[in-house]
Amino acid sequence: MLIVRAPFRISFFGGGTDFSEYFTKYGGSVISATIDKYCFLTMRDLPQLFDYKNQFTYSKIERFNDVSELRHPLVRAALTRIPYSGIQLSYDADLPACSGIGSSSAFAVALVQGLHAMRGEYPGTMEIAEEAIYLERVMCDEAGGVQDQLASAFGGFNRYCFDADGYRVEPLKITPLRAKEFRSNLMLMFTGFAHFSGEVAKTQQANIPSTLPYLHEMKSIVDEAQKTILHGDLDDIGYMLDHSWELKKRLSDDISTSEIDRIYARAKESGAIGGKILGAGGGGYMLLYVPAKEQGNVREALPEFDFVHFGFEKSGCMLMYENET
């Protein structure tokens, strides 16, 4: 039996430049950080005393003998690529799915690491991330980028660079005190409605040829944002987030909605400097940069929404428990 834990992430800058249609031609770059909110995957050998060989428990319970019987596309793909028969899998998470915090990719990363461990295999972190990318983007043919799998696998506060030759992970050398100060100016708020990132990503992907100027500018912001996070006036990050959000909305009509725009406007009127919808867009969690002294005003202006307390984390995906007996 084993338990795998994989963190969710907050992506700050460069989202969209991690789509292969963009970065293989122009190179991409993203700054993100994992947070202390996780998905958990429990795996064990299922006693062969039932009239089914395998079981997967999530919002549903799927019992099956052959992998082809599975409805869940990611687990079906994973068990096809990393076979293991006679298994029981159970999924749990700290935050809801379809909310922009990289939950599906965190699950993919946990699934890859866990299945390999069940087989007595322990691939490196980059190999785990790349295999999770392959499962989602190739085998499941899901639209989207590659930053989330890397973030959940590696953990921490990093800059990720992408080009035709592959991926690089560049840890940001942020001190604990600086990270604490940065975190103190961030608020994470659930908009109240989920989104289906694959559908939003499809339109964004299709629009890449006509949105290149916006993607180029979003990528150019990453350099300045990195310098500012490490050494500059942190309030400038709020203004950069605001500008990046305006650019991101031009990538697809599905990224924002009139309701999201109203929520964001109320946040800014009450003290937020900037922010963005996390993930592909269309709903889920909204990240706001709000100086600590203004955060009470933002909460009062948006009383119907839930704010999530979080911290940054450094561990990435890891085996929390493994018992061979």
Protein backbone atom coordinates (compact mmCIF):
# COMPACT_ATOMS: atom_id res chain seq x y z
CA MET A 1 0.00 0.00 0.00
CA LEU A 2 1.18 3.53 -0.67
CA ILE A 3 -0.03 7.13 -0.48
CA VAL A 4 1.14 9.77 -2.96
CA ARG A 5 0.71 13.51 -2.37
CA ALA A 6 0.97 16.07 -5.19
CA PRO A 7 0.64 19.85 -4.68
CA PHE A 8 -1.56 22.30 -6.53
CA ARG A 9 -0.03 25.46 -7.93
CA ILE A 10 -0.51 29.18 -8.49
CA SER A 11 0.73 30.40 -11.87
CA PHE A 12 1.73 34.06 -11.80
CA PHE A 13 3.12 35.01 -15.21
CA GLY A 14 3.61 33.57 -18.69
CA GLY A 15 0.63 31.23 -18.84
CA GLY A 16 -0.20 30.40 -22.45
CA THR A 17 3.42 30.44 -23.58
CA ASP A 18 3.65 26.84 -22.32
CA PHE A 19 1.44 25.58 -25.16
CA SER A 20 3.58 23.49 -27.52
CA GLU A 21 2.15 25.33 -30.55
CA TYR A 22 3.79 28.46 -29.16
CA PHE A 23 6.96 27.44 -27.34
CA THR A 24 8.33 25.09 -30.00
CA LYS A 25 8.58 28.10 -32.33
CA TYR A 26 9.19 31.03 -29.98
CA GLY A 27 10.17 29.61 -26.60
CA GLY A 28 8.01 30.03 -23.52
CA SER A 29 8.49 30.97 -19.89
CA VAL A 30 6.31 30.79 -16.78
CA ILE A 31 6.67 31.72 -13.12
CA SER A 32 4.64 29.66 -10.67
CA ALA A 33 4.67 28.34 -7.12
CA THR A 34 3.15 25.29 -5.52
CA ILE A 35 0.94 25.75 -2.47
CA ASP A 36 0.17 23.66 0.61
CA LYS A 37 -3.03 22.29 -0.89
CA TYR A 38 -2.78 18.81 -2.33
CA CYS A 39 -4.37 15.85 -4.00
CA PHE A 40 -3.84 12.45 -2.40
CA LEU A 41 -3.83 9.11 -4.17
CA THR A 42 -3.98 5.88 -2.19
CA MET A 43 -3.03 2.64 -3.96
CA ARG A 44 -2.99 -0.95 -2.78
CA ASP A 45 -3.25 -4.46 -4.10
CA LEU A 46 -6.94 -5.36 -4.22
CA PRO A 47 -7.62 -8.78 -2.68
CA GLN A 48 -8.81 -11.06 -5.47
CA LEU A 49 -11.96 -12.11 -3.60
CA PHE A 50 -14.45 -10.08 -5.65
CA ASP A 51 -16.05 -10.51 -9.04
CA TYR A 52 -13.91 -7.61 -10.30
CA LYS A 53 -10.13 -7.21 -10.37
CA ASN A 54 -9.70 -3.45 -9.92
CA GLN A 55 -11.41 -0.46 -8.33
CA PHE A 56 -11.00 3.31 -8.69
CA THR A 57 -12.79 5.60 -6.23
CA TYR A 58 -13.19 9.33 -6.90
CA SER A 59 -16.51 11.17 -7.23
CA LYS A 60 -17.68 7.81 -8.59
CA ILE A 61 -16.69 4.22 -7.98
CA GLU A 62 -15.50 2.27 -11.01
CA ARG A 63 -15.01 -1.47 -10.71
CA PHE A 64 -13.47 -3.20 -13.68
CA ASN A 65 -11.61 -6.24 -14.89
CA ASP A 66 -10.04 -4.88 -18.05
CA VAL A 67 -8.60 -1.37 -18.42
CA SER A 68 -10.75 -0.79 -21.49
CA GLU A 69 -13.83 -0.83 -19.25
CA LEU A 70 -12.71 2.32 -17.40
CA ARG A 71 -14.59 5.52 -18.12
CA HIS A 72 -12.03 7.84 -16.53
CA PRO A 73 -9.74 8.70 -19.47
CA LEU A 74 -6.61 9.60 -17.51
CA VAL A 75 -6.61 6.49 -15.33
CA ARG A 76 -7.38 4.36 -18.37
CA ALA A 77 -4.41 5.89 -20.20
CA ALA A 78 -2.11 5.55 -17.18
CA LEU A 79 -2.94 1.87 -16.62
CA THR A 80 -2.45 1.23 -20.33
CA ARG A 81 1.01 2.86 -20.29
CA ILE A 82 2.03 1.67 -16.80
CA PRO A 83 0.15 -1.63 -16.43
CA TYR A 84 -0.79 -2.93 -13.00
CA SER A 85 -3.59 -5.44 -12.48
CA GLY A 86 -5.38 -6.12 -9.23
CA ILE A 87 -5.23 -2.54 -7.93
CA GLN A 88 -7.42 -0.32 -5.78
CA LEU A 89 -7.02 3.44 -6.22
CA SER A 90 -8.68 6.20 -4.18
CA TYR A 91 -8.50 9.95 -4.90
CA ASP A 92 -8.96 12.81 -2.42
CA ALA A 93 -8.09 16.51 -2.58
CA ASP A 94 -7.96 19.66 -0.47
CA LEU A 95 -9.60 21.82 -3.16
CA PRO A 96 -12.25 21.09 -5.79
CA ALA A 97 -11.40 20.03 -9.31
CA CYS A 98 -11.95 22.25 -12.36
CA SER A 99 -10.91 25.35 -10.43
CA GLY A 100 -7.68 26.53 -12.06
CA ILE A 101 -5.14 25.32 -9.51
CA GLY A 102 -3.68 22.55 -11.69
CA SER A 103 -5.66 19.73 -10.07
CA SER A 104 -5.89 17.45 -13.12
CA SER A 105 -2.15 17.63 -13.75
CA ALA A 106 -1.37 17.11 -10.06
CA PHE A 107 -3.49 13.98 -10.25
CA ALA A 108 -1.64 12.86 -13.38
CA VAL A 109 1.72 13.35 -11.66
CA ALA A 110 0.60 11.48 -8.54
CA LEU A 111 -0.79 8.69 -10.70
CA VAL A 112 2.46 8.27 -12.62
CA GLN A 113 4.63 8.25 -9.50
CA GLY A 114 2.27 5.93 -7.64
CA LEU A 115 1.90 3.34 -10.40
CA HIS A 116 5.64 3.20 -10.92
CA ALA A 117 6.17 2.75 -7.17
CA MET A 118 3.63 -0.08 -7.11
CA ARG A 119 5.81 -1.76 -9.74
CA GLY A 120 8.97 -1.11 -7.71
CA GLU A 121 10.13 1.63 -10.09
CA TYR A 122 11.34 5.09 -9.04
CA PRO A 123 11.87 7.39 -12.03
CA GLY A 124 13.38 10.86 -11.70
CA THR A 125 11.28 13.97 -11.22
CA MET A 126 11.59 15.20 -14.81
CA GLU A 127 10.70 11.75 -16.12
CA ILE A 128 7.56 11.74 -13.96
CA ALA A 129 6.55 15.19 -15.22
CA GLU A 130 7.18 14.29 -18.85
CA GLU A 131 5.19 11.08 -18.55
CA ALA A 132 2.27 12.98 -16.97
CA ILE A 133 2.43 15.47 -19.87
CA TYR A 134 2.36 12.58 -22.33
CA LEU A 135 -0.68 11.03 -20.64
CA GLU A 136 -2.69 14.24 -20.69
CA ARG A 137 -1.61 15.88 -23.91
CA VAL A 138 -0.99 12.85 -26.16
CA MET A 139 -2.84 9.80 -24.90
CA CYS A 140 -5.90 11.72 -23.67
CA ASP A 141 -5.57 14.41 -26.36
CA GLU A 142 -6.44 17.15 -23.84
CA ALA A 143 -5.68 20.71 -24.87
CA GLY A 144 -3.41 22.75 -22.62
CA GLY A 145 0.12 23.57 -21.64
CA VAL A 146 2.91 21.77 -19.84
CA GLN A 147 3.60 23.99 -16.83
CA ASP A 148 1.22 22.31 -14.38
CA GLN A 149 2.78 18.86 -14.55
CA LEU A 150 6.25 20.31 -14.04
CA ALA A 151 5.11 22.45 -11.12
CA SER A 152 3.39 19.61 -9.28
CA ALA A 153 6.29 17.22 -9.85
CA PHE A 154 9.08 19.60 -8.78
CA GLY A 155 7.31 21.83 -6.26
CA GLY A 156 8.60 25.17 -5.02
CA PHE A 157 8.84 28.67 -6.46
CA ASN A 158 10.25 28.30 -9.96
CA ARG A 159 10.64 29.70 -13.42
CA TYR A 160 9.94 27.13 -16.11
CA CYS A 161 11.35 27.57 -19.62
CA PHE A 162 10.15 25.66 -22.66
CA ASP A 163 11.46 25.33 -26.19
CA ALA A 164 11.73 22.76 -28.99
CA ASP A 165 14.53 20.99 -27.09
CA GLY A 166 12.51 20.42 -23.92
CA TYR A 167 11.93 21.95 -20.49
CA ARG A 168 14.10 23.64 -17.87
CA VAL A 169 13.37 24.26 -14.21
CA GLU A 170 15.02 27.34 -12.71
CA PRO A 171 14.34 27.74 -8.97
CA LEU A 172 13.81 31.35 -7.86
CA LYS A 173 16.26 32.14 -5.08
CA ILE A 174 13.68 33.81 -2.89
CA THR A 175 14.44 34.06 0.81
CA PRO A 176 11.91 32.74 3.34
CA LEU A 177 11.33 36.30 4.62
CA ARG A 178 10.73 37.62 1.10
CA ALA A 179 8.40 34.71 0.29
CA LYS A 180 6.44 35.41 3.48
CA GLU A 181 6.14 39.09 2.59
CA PHE A 182 4.98 38.23 -0.93
CA ARG A 183 2.45 35.72 0.36
CA SER A 184 1.04 38.26 2.82
CA ASN A 185 -0.16 40.39 -0.12
CA LEU A 186 -1.99 37.57 -1.92
CA MET A 187 -5.60 36.49 -1.60
CA LEU A 188 -7.08 33.36 -3.17
CA MET A 189 -10.81 33.49 -3.74
CA PHE A 190 -13.19 30.93 -5.24
CA THR A 191 -15.51 32.55 -7.77
CA GLY A 192 -18.25 30.07 -7.01
CA PHE A 193 -18.29 28.29 -10.33
CA ALA A 194 -16.00 25.68 -11.83
CA HIS A 195 -14.68 25.64 -15.36
CA PHE A 196 -13.71 23.03 -17.93
CA SER A 197 -10.16 23.98 -18.75
CA GLY A 198 -9.93 21.70 -21.78
CA GLU A 199 -12.67 23.56 -23.63
CA VAL A 200 -11.17 26.98 -22.83
CA ALA A 201 -7.70 25.75 -23.77
CA LYS A 202 -8.94 24.49 -27.14
CA THR A 203 -10.09 27.95 -28.20
CA GLN A 204 -6.92 29.53 -26.83
CA GLN A 205 -4.85 26.97 -28.73
CA ALA A 206 -6.72 27.59 -31.97
CA ASN A 207 -6.22 31.35 -31.58
CA ILE A 208 -2.43 31.23 -31.13
CA PRO A 209 -1.59 32.39 -34.68
CA SER A 210 -3.74 35.52 -34.26
CA THR A 211 -2.74 36.27 -30.64
CA LEU A 212 1.05 36.12 -30.99
CA PRO A 213 1.62 39.80 -30.04
CA TYR A 214 -0.17 39.26 -26.70
CA LEU A 215 1.71 36.03 -25.98
CA HIS A 216 5.04 37.67 -26.80
CA GLU A 217 4.25 40.51 -24.41
CA MET A 218 3.12 38.12 -21.68
CA LYS A 219 6.41 36.27 -22.01
CA SER A 220 8.40 39.52 -21.88
CA ILE A 221 6.81 40.37 -18.52
CA VAL A 222 8.31 37.23 -16.95
CA ASP A 223 11.85 38.67 -16.81
CA GLU A 224 10.76 41.85 -15.05
CA ALA A 225 8.43 39.95 -12.74
CA GLN A 226 11.25 37.66 -11.63
CA LYS A 227 13.46 40.62 -10.75
CA THR A 228 10.63 42.32 -8.89
CA ILE A 229 9.65 39.23 -6.91
CA LEU A 230 13.22 38.81 -5.73
CA HIS A 231 14.32 42.41 -5.15
CA GLY A 232 11.79 45.05 -6.23
CA ASP A 233 8.71 46.79 -4.88
CA LEU A 234 6.24 43.93 -4.46
CA ASP A 235 3.27 46.16 -5.19
CA ASP A 236 4.58 46.33 -8.75
CA ILE A 237 3.69 42.64 -9.03
CA GLY A 238 0.07 43.64 -8.56
CA TYR A 239 0.26 46.04 -11.51
CA MET A 240 2.00 43.39 -13.63
CA LEU A 241 -0.70 40.87 -12.78
CA ASP A 242 -3.36 43.39 -13.78
CA HIS A 243 -1.67 44.04 -17.11
CA SER A 244 -1.08 40.34 -17.77
CA TRP A 245 -4.74 39.61 -17.02
CA GLU A 246 -5.83 42.16 -19.61
CA LEU A 247 -3.51 40.52 -22.13
CA LYS A 248 -4.68 37.03 -21.25
CA LYS A 249 -8.33 37.95 -21.84
CA ARG A 250 -7.42 38.72 -25.44
CA LEU A 251 -6.28 35.15 -26.06
CA SER A 252 -9.84 33.83 -26.11
CA ASP A 253 -13.37 35.11 -25.54
CA ASP A 254 -13.87 32.18 -23.14
CA ILE A 255 -11.19 33.20 -20.62
CA SER A 256 -13.34 35.75 -18.80
CA THR A 257 -17.05 36.40 -18.41
CA SER A 258 -19.11 39.45 -17.52
CA GLU A 259 -19.55 38.05 -14.01
CA ILE A 260 -15.80 37.49 -13.56
CA ASP A 261 -15.17 41.05 -14.79
CA ARG A 262 -17.65 42.41 -12.24
CA ILE A 263 -16.04 40.45 -9.40
CA TYR A 264 -12.59 41.65 -10.40
CA ALA A 265 -13.77 45.27 -10.66
CA ARG A 266 -15.26 45.09 -7.15
CA ALA A 267 -11.98 43.72 -5.81
CA LYS A 268 -9.98 46.54 -7.40
CA GLU A 269 -12.41 49.20 -6.19
CA SER A 270 -11.94 47.95 -2.62
CA GLY A 271 -8.13 47.80 -2.60
CA ALA A 272 -6.78 45.07 -4.89
CA ILE A 273 -4.00 46.26 -7.20
CA GLY A 274 -4.25 43.38 -9.63
CA GLY A 275 -5.07 39.75 -10.08
CA LYS A 276 -6.17 37.06 -12.48
CA ILE A 277 -8.28 33.98 -12.89
CA LEU A 278 -6.02 30.98 -12.36
CA GLY A 279 -5.69 28.29 -14.96
CA ALA A 280 -7.28 28.37 -18.39
CA GLY A 281 -10.00 30.80 -17.32
CA GLY A 282 -13.78 30.81 -17.35
CA GLY A 283 -14.14 30.31 -13.59
CA GLY A 284 -12.45 28.66 -10.64
CA TYR A 285 -10.08 30.49 -8.31
CA MET A 286 -9.17 34.14 -8.62
CA LEU A 287 -5.78 35.28 -7.34
CA LEU A 288 -5.67 38.85 -6.07
CA TYR A 289 -2.71 41.00 -5.11
CA VAL A 290 -3.95 43.11 -2.20
CA PRO A 291 -1.72 45.02 0.25
CA ALA A 292 -2.32 43.56 3.69
CA LYS A 293 -3.89 46.76 5.02
CA GLU A 294 -6.59 46.61 2.31
CA GLN A 295 -7.54 42.94 2.62
CA GLY A 296 -10.30 43.55 5.14
CA ASN A 297 -11.93 45.93 2.69
CA VAL A 298 -11.79 43.33 -0.08
CA ARG A 299 -13.41 40.72 2.13
CA GLU A 300 -16.17 43.15 3.07
CA ALA A 301 -16.76 44.05 -0.57
CA LEU A 302 -17.01 40.38 -1.58
CA PRO A 303 -18.77 38.73 1.38
CA GLU A 304 -20.43 36.02 -0.70
CA PHE A 305 -17.09 34.46 -1.74
CA ASP A 306 -14.83 32.05 0.10
CA PHE A 307 -11.17 32.97 0.59
CA VAL A 308 -8.66 30.15 1.02
CA HIS A 309 -5.75 30.44 3.43
CA PHE A 310 -2.63 28.95 1.88
CA GLY A 311 1.14 28.94 2.06
CA PHE A 312 3.90 28.18 -0.41
CA GLU A 313 5.39 24.69 -0.34
CA LYS A 314 8.67 23.23 -1.58
CA SER A 315 8.34 19.45 -1.72
CA GLY A 316 6.53 18.68 -4.96
CA CYS A 317 5.01 15.25 -5.54
CA MET A 318 6.15 12.69 -3.01
CA LEU A 319 5.43 9.27 -1.55
CA MET A 320 3.95 9.94 1.88
CA TYR A 321 3.69 6.28 2.86
CA GLU A 322 4.85 3.00 1.36
CA ASN A 323 4.38 -0.42 2.90
CA GLU A 324 5.37 -3.53 0.99
CA THR A 325 3.47 -5.89 3.27
